C-alpha cells in the first residue's frame, strides 16, 4: 500500500518542489544587491535613450533604492 501511496503523491511532491525553488529564486533576486544595482543602471540607460519616461524612471529608481536600503539595513 505504501508504494501506491508514494506513486500517487509523487506529482504533488514534484509541484511542491517546483514552487519551493521558484520562491527561493524570487527571494534571492529580491535580496541581491548587485542585481538591484544592475537594474538601476539598466533603468538609467533606458531613460537616457528615451526608452522610458522620466516618471517611470523616477518610480523605478525610488523602488529599487528602497529595496537596496532595506537590504543594507537587514545585513547590518
PDB file of N, CA and C in Angstrom:
ATOM      1  N   UNK A   1       0.814  -1.190   0.000  1.00  0.00           N
ATOM      2  CA  UNK A   1       0.000   0.000   0.000  1.00  0.00           C
ATOM      3  C   UNK A   1       0.864   1.263   0.000  1.00  0.00           C
ATOM      4  N   UNK A   2       1.997   1.221   0.649  1.00  0.00           N
ATOM      5  CA  UNK A   2       2.855   2.398   0.709  1.00  0.00           C
ATOM      6  C   UNK A   2       3.411   2.773  -0.656  1.00  0.00           C
ATOM      7  N   UNK A   3       3.717   1.795  -1.469  1.00  0.00           N
ATOM      8  CA  UNK A   3       4.235   2.067  -2.807  1.00  0.00           C
ATOM      9  C   UNK A   3       3.200   2.802  -3.647  1.00  0.00           C
ATOM     10  N   UNK A   4       1.949   2.358  -3.549  1.00  0.00           N
ATOM     11  CA  UNK A   4       0.876   3.012  -4.303  1.00  0.00           C
ATOM     12  C   UNK A   4       0.679   4.443  -3.805  1.00  0.00           C
ATOM     13  N   UNK A   5       0.722   4.625  -2.474  1.00  0.00           N
ATOM     14  CA  UNK A   5       0.593   5.977  -1.924  1.00  0.00           C
ATOM     15  C   UNK A   5       1.721   6.876  -2.422  1.00  0.00           C
ATOM     16  N   UNK A   6       2.947   6.356  -2.420  1.00  0.00           N
ATOM     17  CA  UNK A   6       4.090   7.133  -2.894  1.00  0.00           C
ATOM     18  C   UNK A   6       3.926   7.516  -4.359  1.00  0.00           C
ATOM     19  N   UNK A   7       3.459   6.588  -5.164  1.00  0.00           N
ATOM     20  CA  UNK A   7       3.270   6.857  -6.592  1.00  0.00           C
ATOM     21  C   UNK A   7       2.174   7.899  -6.817  1.00  0.00           C
ATOM     22  N   UNK A   8       1.125   7.842  -6.023  1.00  0.00           N
ATOM     23  CA  UNK A   8       0.036   8.798  -6.181  1.00  0.00           C
ATOM     24  C   UNK A   8       0.435  10.208  -5.723  1.00  0.00           C
ATOM     25  N   UNK A   9       1.293  10.281  -4.734  1.00  0.00           N
ATOM     26  CA  UNK A   9       1.711  11.580  -4.206  1.00  0.00           C
ATOM     27  C   UNK A   9       2.920  12.165  -4.937  1.00  0.00           C
ATOM     28  N   UNK A  10       3.555  11.402  -5.785  1.00  0.00           N
ATOM     29  CA  UNK A  10       4.754  11.855  -6.487  1.00  0.00           C
ATOM     30  C   UNK A  10       4.525  13.145  -7.289  1.00  0.00           C
ATOM     31  N   UNK A  11       3.454  13.260  -8.079  1.00  0.00           N
ATOM     32  CA  UNK A  11       3.252  14.523  -8.818  1.00  0.00           C
ATOM     33  C   UNK A  11       3.065  15.720  -7.889  1.00  0.00           C
ATOM     34  N   UNK A  12       2.364  15.518  -6.787  1.00  0.00           N
ATOM     35  CA  UNK A  12       2.153  16.603  -5.834  1.00  0.00           C
ATOM     36  C   UNK A  12       3.467  17.040  -5.211  1.00  0.00           C
ATOM     37  N   UNK A  13       4.310  16.114  -4.862  1.00  0.00           N
ATOM     38  CA  UNK A  13       5.613  16.441  -4.293  1.00  0.00           C
ATOM     39  C   UNK A  13       6.479  17.186  -5.307  1.00  0.00           C
ATOM     40  N   UNK A  14       6.364  16.809  -6.559  1.00  0.00           N
ATOM     41  CA  UNK A  14       7.113  17.497  -7.609  1.00  0.00           C
ATOM     42  C   UNK A  14       6.684  18.944  -7.753  1.00  0.00           C
ATOM     43  N   UNK A  15       5.389  19.171  -7.733  1.00  0.00           N
ATOM     44  CA  UNK A  15       4.853  20.533  -7.850  1.00  0.00           C
ATOM     45  C   UNK A  15       5.276  21.370  -6.642  1.00  0.00           C
ATOM     46  N   UNK A  16       5.213  20.785  -5.461  1.00  0.00           N
ATOM     47  CA  UNK A  16       5.639  21.499  -4.252  1.00  0.00           C
ATOM     48  C   UNK A  16       7.120  21.851  -4.355  1.00  0.00           C
ATOM     49  N   UNK A  17       7.924  20.939  -4.839  1.00  0.00           N
ATOM     50  CA  UNK A  17       9.353  21.196  -5.013  1.00  0.00           C
ATOM     51  C   UNK A  17       9.615  22.328  -5.992  1.00  0.00           C
ATOM     52  N   UNK A  18       8.844  22.374  -7.061  1.00  0.00           N
ATOM     53  CA  UNK A  18       8.989  23.436  -8.058  1.00  0.00           C
ATOM     54  C   UNK A  18       8.645  24.782  -7.443  1.00  0.00           C
ATOM     55  N   UNK A  19       7.549  24.849  -6.686  1.00  0.00           N
ATOM     56  CA  UNK A  19       7.156  26.111  -6.056  1.00  0.00           C
ATOM     57  C   UNK A  19       8.172  26.559  -5.012  1.00  0.00           C
ATOM     58  N   UNK A  20       8.768  25.632  -4.297  1.00  0.00           N
ATOM     59  CA  UNK A  20       9.815  25.987  -3.333  1.00  0.00           C
ATOM     60  C   UNK A  20      11.011  26.600  -4.050  1.00  0.00           C
ATOM     61  N   UNK A  21      11.395  26.020  -5.184  1.00  0.00           N
ATOM     62  CA  UNK A  21      12.533  26.529  -5.952  1.00  0.00           C
ATOM     63  C   UNK A  21      12.228  27.918  -6.514  1.00  0.00           C
ATOM     64  N   UNK A  22      11.025  28.119  -7.011  1.00  0.00           N
ATOM     65  CA  UNK A  22      10.629  29.426  -7.530  1.00  0.00           C
ATOM     66  C   UNK A  22      10.673  30.469  -6.417  1.00  0.00           C
ATOM     67  N   UNK A  23      10.170  30.121  -5.251  1.00  0.00           N
ATOM     68  CA  UNK A  23      10.196  31.029  -4.106  1.00  0.00           C
ATOM     69  C   UNK A  23      11.628  31.368  -3.712  1.00  0.00           C
ATOM     70  N   UNK A  24      12.475  30.374  -3.694  1.00  0.00           N
ATOM     71  CA  UNK A  24      13.891  30.569  -3.365  1.00  0.00           C
ATOM     72  C   UNK A  24      14.560  31.534  -4.346  1.00  0.00           C
ATOM     73  N   UNK A  25      14.297  31.329  -5.629  1.00  0.00           N
ATOM     74  CA  UNK A  25      14.889  32.180  -6.654  1.00  0.00           C
ATOM     75  C   UNK A  25      14.355  33.610  -6.554  1.00  0.00           C
ATOM     76  N   UNK A  26      13.076  33.759  -6.264  1.00  0.00           N
ATOM     77  CA  UNK A  26      12.489  35.097  -6.127  1.00  0.00           C
ATOM     78  C   UNK A  26      13.095  35.829  -4.932  1.00  0.00           C
ATOM     79  N   UNK A  27      13.263  35.137  -3.821  1.00  0.00           N
ATOM     80  CA  UNK A  27      13.873  35.762  -2.645  1.00  0.00           C
ATOM     81  C   UNK A  27      15.311  36.167  -2.929  1.00  0.00           C
ATOM     82  N   UNK A  28      16.037  35.332  -3.652  1.00  0.00           N
ATOM     83  CA  UNK A  28      17.417  35.651  -3.993  1.00  0.00           C
ATOM     84  C   UNK A  28      17.478  36.887  -4.880  1.00  0.00           C
ATOM     85  N   UNK A  29      16.589  36.950  -5.855  1.00  0.00           N
ATOM     86  CA  UNK A  29      16.586  38.100  -6.762  1.00  0.00           C
ATOM     87  C   UNK A  29      16.197  39.377  -6.035  1.00  0.00           C
ATOM     88  N   UNK A  30      15.242  39.285  -5.124  1.00  0.00           N
ATOM     89  CA  UNK A  30      14.804  40.468  -4.403  1.00  0.00           C
ATOM     90  C   UNK A  30      15.847  40.965  -3.422  1.00  0.00           C
ATOM     91  N   UNK A  31      16.724  40.094  -2.971  1.00  0.00           N
ATOM     92  CA  UNK A  31      17.669  40.500  -1.938  1.00  0.00           C
ATOM     93  C   UNK A  31      19.101  40.665  -2.450  1.00  0.00           C
ATOM     94  N   UNK A  32      19.327  40.472  -3.687  1.00  0.00           N
ATOM     95  CA  UNK A  32      20.679  40.533  -4.230  1.00  0.00           C
ATOM     96  C   UNK A  32      21.041  41.979  -4.579  1.00  0.00           C
ATOM     97  N   UNK A  33      21.960  42.561  -3.819  1.00  0.00           N
ATOM     98  CA  UNK A  33      22.332  43.970  -4.007  1.00  0.00           C
ATOM     99  C   UNK A  33      22.916  44.231  -5.393  1.00  0.00           C
ATOM    100  N   UNK A  34      23.742  43.333  -5.883  1.00  0.00           N
ATOM    101  CA  UNK A  34      24.326  43.532  -7.217  1.00  0.00           C
ATOM    102  C   UNK A  34      23.251  43.538  -8.290  1.00  0.00           C
ATOM    103  N   UNK A  35      22.264  42.677  -8.147  1.00  0.00           N
ATOM    104  CA  UNK A  35      21.164  42.627  -9.117  1.00  0.00           C
ATOM    105  C   UNK A  35      20.369  43.935  -9.089  1.00  0.00           C
ATOM    106  N   UNK A  36      20.166  44.483  -7.902  1.00  0.00           N
ATOM    107  CA  UNK A  36      19.427  45.739  -7.773  1.00  0.00           C
ATOM    108  C   UNK A  36      20.210  46.877  -8.425  1.00  0.00           C
ATOM    109  N   UNK A  37      21.513  46.910  -8.191  1.00  0.00           N
ATOM    110  CA  UNK A  37      22.340  47.950  -8.809  1.00  0.00           C
ATOM    111  C   UNK A  37      22.323  47.823 -10.334  1.00  0.00           C
ATOM    112  N   UNK A  38      22.336  46.599 -10.813  1.00  0.00           N
ATOM    113  CA  UNK A  38      22.287  46.350 -12.257  1.00  0.00           C
ATOM    114  C   UNK A  38      20.974  46.874 -12.838  1.00  0.00           C
ATOM    115  N   UNK A  39      19.883  46.638 -12.140  1.00  0.00           N
ATOM    116  CA  UNK A  39      18.588  47.137 -12.607  1.00  0.00           C
ATOM    117  C   UNK A  39      18.554  48.665 -12.592  1.00  0.00           C
ATOM    118  N   UNK A  40      19.199  49.278 -11.606  1.00  0.00           N
ATOM    119  CA  UNK A  40      19.282  50.739 -11.565  1.00  0.00           C
ATOM    120  C   UNK A  40      20.030  51.280 -12.783  1.00  0.00           C
ATOM    121  N   UNK A  41      21.164  50.667 -13.104  1.00  0.00           N
ATOM    122  CA  UNK A  41      21.936  51.110 -14.271  1.00  0.00           C
ATOM    123  C   UNK A  41      21.155  50.893 -15.564  1.00  0.00           C
ATOM    124  N   UNK A  42      20.455  49.776 -15.638  1.00  0.00           N
ATOM    125  CA  UNK A  42      19.648  49.480 -16.824  1.00  0.00           C
ATOM    126  C   UNK A  42      18.528  50.513 -16.982  1.00  0.00           C
ATOM    127  N   UNK A  43      17.895  50.869 -15.880  1.00  0.00           N
ATOM    128  CA  UNK A  43      16.826  51.870 -15.926  1.00  0.00           C
ATOM    129  C   UNK A  43      17.381  53.230 -16.348  1.00  0.00           C
ATOM    130  N   UNK A  44      18.545  53.577 -15.816  1.00  0.00           N
ATOM    131  CA  UNK A  44      19.170  54.862 -16.179  1.00  0.00           C
ATOM    132  C   UNK A  44      19.490  54.907 -17.682  1.00  0.00           C
ATOM    133  N   UNK A  45      20.007  53.812 -18.199  1.00  0.00           N
ATOM    134  CA  UNK A  45      20.324  53.740 -19.622  1.00  0.00           C
ATOM    135  C   UNK A  45      19.065  53.878 -20.474  1.00  0.00           C
ATOM    136  N   UNK A  46      18.002  53.171 -20.082  1.00  0.00           N
ATOM    137  CA  UNK A  46      16.743  53.275 -20.823  1.00  0.00           C
ATOM    138  C   UNK A  46      16.206  54.701 -20.786  1.00  0.00           C
ATOM    139  N   UNK A  47      16.322  55.358 -19.637  1.00  0.00           N
ATOM    140  CA  UNK A  47      15.867  56.740 -19.525  1.00  0.00           C
ATOM    141  C   UNK A  47      16.672  57.650 -20.438  1.00  0.00           C
ATOM    142  N   UNK A  48      17.982  57.492 -20.435  1.00  0.00           N
ATOM    143  CA  UNK A  48      18.841  58.343 -21.263  1.00  0.00           C
ATOM    144  C   UNK A  48      18.631  58.093 -22.752  1.00  0.00           C
ATOM    145  N   UNK A  49      18.214  56.882 -23.122  1.00  0.00           N
ATOM    146  CA  UNK A  49      17.942  56.572 -24.521  1.00  0.00           C
ATOM    147  C   UNK A  49      16.489  56.838 -24.905  1.00  0.00           C
ATOM    148  N   UNK A  50      15.760  57.491 -24.011  1.00  0.00           N
ATOM    149  CA  UNK A  50      14.346  57.819 -24.221  1.00  0.00           C
ATOM    150  C   UNK A  50      13.472  56.597 -24.447  1.00  0.00           C
ATOM    151  N   UNK A  51      13.837  55.491 -23.840  1.00  0.00           N
ATOM    152  CA  UNK A  51      13.005  54.289 -23.891  1.00  0.00           C
ATOM    153  C   UNK A  51      12.082  54.222 -22.679  1.00  0.00           C
ATOM    154  N   UNK A  52      12.269  55.167 -21.746  1.00  0.00           N
ATOM    155  CA  UNK A  52      11.490  55.206 -20.517  1.00  0.00           C
ATOM    156  C   UNK A  52      11.237  56.671 -20.178  1.00  0.00           C
ATOM    157  N   UNK A  53      10.023  56.963 -19.744  1.00  0.00           N
ATOM    158  CA  UNK A  53       9.704  58.350 -19.380  1.00  0.00           C
ATOM    159  C   UNK A  53      10.361  58.690 -18.035  1.00  0.00           C
ATOM    160  N   UNK A  54      10.424  59.983 -17.769  1.00  0.00           N
ATOM    161  CA  UNK A  54      11.039  60.437 -16.515  1.00  0.00           C
ATOM    162  C   UNK A  54      10.244  59.937 -15.311  1.00  0.00           C
ATOM    163  N   UNK A  55       8.921  59.937 -15.424  1.00  0.00           N
ATOM    164  CA  UNK A  55       8.073  59.463 -14.323  1.00  0.00           C
ATOM    165  C   UNK A  55       8.312  57.975 -14.051  1.00  0.00           C
ATOM    166  N   UNK A  56       8.381  57.170 -15.123  1.00  0.00           N
ATOM    167  CA  UNK A  56       8.638  55.742 -14.958  1.00  0.00           C
ATOM    168  C   UNK A  56      10.012  55.512 -14.320  1.00  0.00           C
ATOM    169  N   UNK A  57      10.988  56.269 -14.792  1.00  0.00           N
ATOM    170  CA  UNK A  57      12.340  56.124 -14.260  1.00  0.00           C
ATOM    171  C   UNK A  57      12.384  56.475 -12.773  1.00  0.00           C
ATOM    172  N   UNK A  58      11.782  57.596 -12.403  1.00  0.00           N
ATOM    173  CA  UNK A  58      11.806  58.023 -11.006  1.00  0.00           C
ATOM    174  C   UNK A  58      11.091  57.027 -10.104  1.00  0.00           C
ATOM    175  N   UNK A  59       9.983  56.482 -10.593  1.00  0.00           N
ATOM    176  CA  UNK A  59       9.233  55.487  -9.817  1.00  0.00           C
ATOM    177  C   UNK A  59      10.064  54.217  -9.605  1.00  0.00           C
ATOM    178  N   UNK A  60      10.678  53.737 -10.668  1.00  0.00           N
ATOM    179  CA  UNK A  60      11.509  52.536 -10.583  1.00  0.00           C
ATOM    180  C   UNK A  60      12.743  52.781  -9.728  1.00  0.00           C
ATOM    181  N   UNK A  61      13.351  53.943  -9.896  1.00  0.00           N
ATOM    182  CA  UNK A  61      14.538  54.280  -9.115  1.00  0.00           C
ATOM    183  C   UNK A  61      14.206  54.320  -7.621  1.00  0.00           C
ATOM    184  N   UNK A  62      13.086  54.930  -7.283  1.00  0.00           N
ATOM    185  CA  UNK A  62      12.666  55.014  -5.887  1.00  0.00           C
ATOM    186  C   UNK A  62      12.454  53.621  -5.303  1.00  0.00           C
ATOM    187  N   UNK A  63      11.786  52.763  -6.053  1.00  0.00           N
ATOM    188  CA  UNK A  63      11.529  51.394  -5.601  1.00  0.00           C
ATOM    189  C   UNK A  63      12.834  50.620  -5.408  1.00  0.00           C
ATOM    190  N   UNK A  64      13.726  50.715  -6.383  1.00  0.00           N
ATOM    191  CA  UNK A  64      14.983  49.965  -6.306  1.00  0.00           C
ATOM    192  C   UNK A  64      15.889  50.481  -5.194  1.00  0.00           C
ATOM    193  N   UNK A  65      15.937  51.789  -5.014  1.00  0.00           N
ATOM    194  CA  UNK A  65      16.758  52.349  -3.931  1.00  0.00           C
ATOM    195  C   UNK A  65      16.193  51.957  -2.563  1.00  0.00           C
ATOM    196  N   UNK A  66      14.879  51.903  -2.447  1.00  0.00           N
ATOM    197  CA  UNK A  66      14.264  51.471  -1.188  1.00  0.00           C
ATOM    198  C   UNK A  66      14.613  50.014  -0.901  1.00  0.00           C
ATOM    199  N   UNK A  67      14.571  49.165  -1.940  1.00  0.00           N
ATOM    200  CA  UNK A  67      14.948  47.753  -1.753  1.00  0.00           C
ATOM    201  C   UNK A  67      16.410  47.632  -1.363  1.00  0.00           C
ATOM    202  N   UNK A  68      17.265  48.434  -1.972  1.00  0.00           N
ATOM    203  CA  UNK A  68      18.686  48.412  -1.663  1.00  0.00           C
ATOM    204  C   UNK A  68      18.943  48.860  -0.219  1.00  0.00           C
ATOM    205  N   UNK A  69      18.264  49.921   0.202  1.00  0.00           N
ATOM    206  CA  UNK A  69      18.386  50.382   1.588  1.00  0.00           C
ATOM    207  C   UNK A  69      17.888  49.319   2.570  1.00  0.00           C
ATOM    208  N   UNK A  70      16.778  48.710   2.245  1.00  0.00           N
ATOM    209  CA  UNK A  70      16.218  47.661   3.100  1.00  0.00           C
ATOM    210  C   UNK A  70      17.181  46.489   3.223  1.00  0.00           C
ATOM    211  N   UNK A  71      17.814  46.135   2.127  1.00  0.00           N
ATOM    212  CA  UNK A  71      18.769  45.042   2.131  1.00  0.00           C
ATOM    213  C   UNK A  71      19.983  45.390   2.989  1.00  0.00           C
ATOM    214  N   UNK A  72      20.471  46.611   2.861  1.00  0.00           N
ATOM    215  CA  UNK A  72      21.609  47.045   3.659  1.00  0.00           C
ATOM    216  C   UNK A  72      21.288  47.036   5.143  1.00  0.00           C
ATOM    217  N   UNK A  73      20.082  47.481   5.502  1.00  0.00           N
ATOM    218  CA  UNK A  73      19.678  47.501   6.907  1.00  0.00           C
ATOM    219  C   UNK A  73      19.559  46.087   7.467  1.00  0.00           C
ATOM    220  N   UNK A  74      19.038  45.175   6.672  1.00  0.00           N
ATOM    221  CA  UNK A  74      18.875  43.796   7.148  1.00  0.00           C
ATOM    222  C   UNK A  74      20.218  43.084   7.289  1.00  0.00           C
ATOM    223  N   UNK A  75      21.220  43.506   6.535  1.00  0.00           N
ATOM    224  CA  UNK A  75      22.537  42.893   6.616  1.00  0.00           C
ATOM    225  C   UNK A  75      23.366  43.463   7.752  1.00  0.00           C
ATOM    226  N   UNK A  76      22.965  44.622   8.265  1.00  0.00           N
ATOM    227  CA  UNK A  76      23.723  45.275   9.355  1.00  0.00           C
ATOM    228  C   UNK A  76      23.411  44.660  10.695  1.00  0.00           C
TER     229      UNK A  76
END
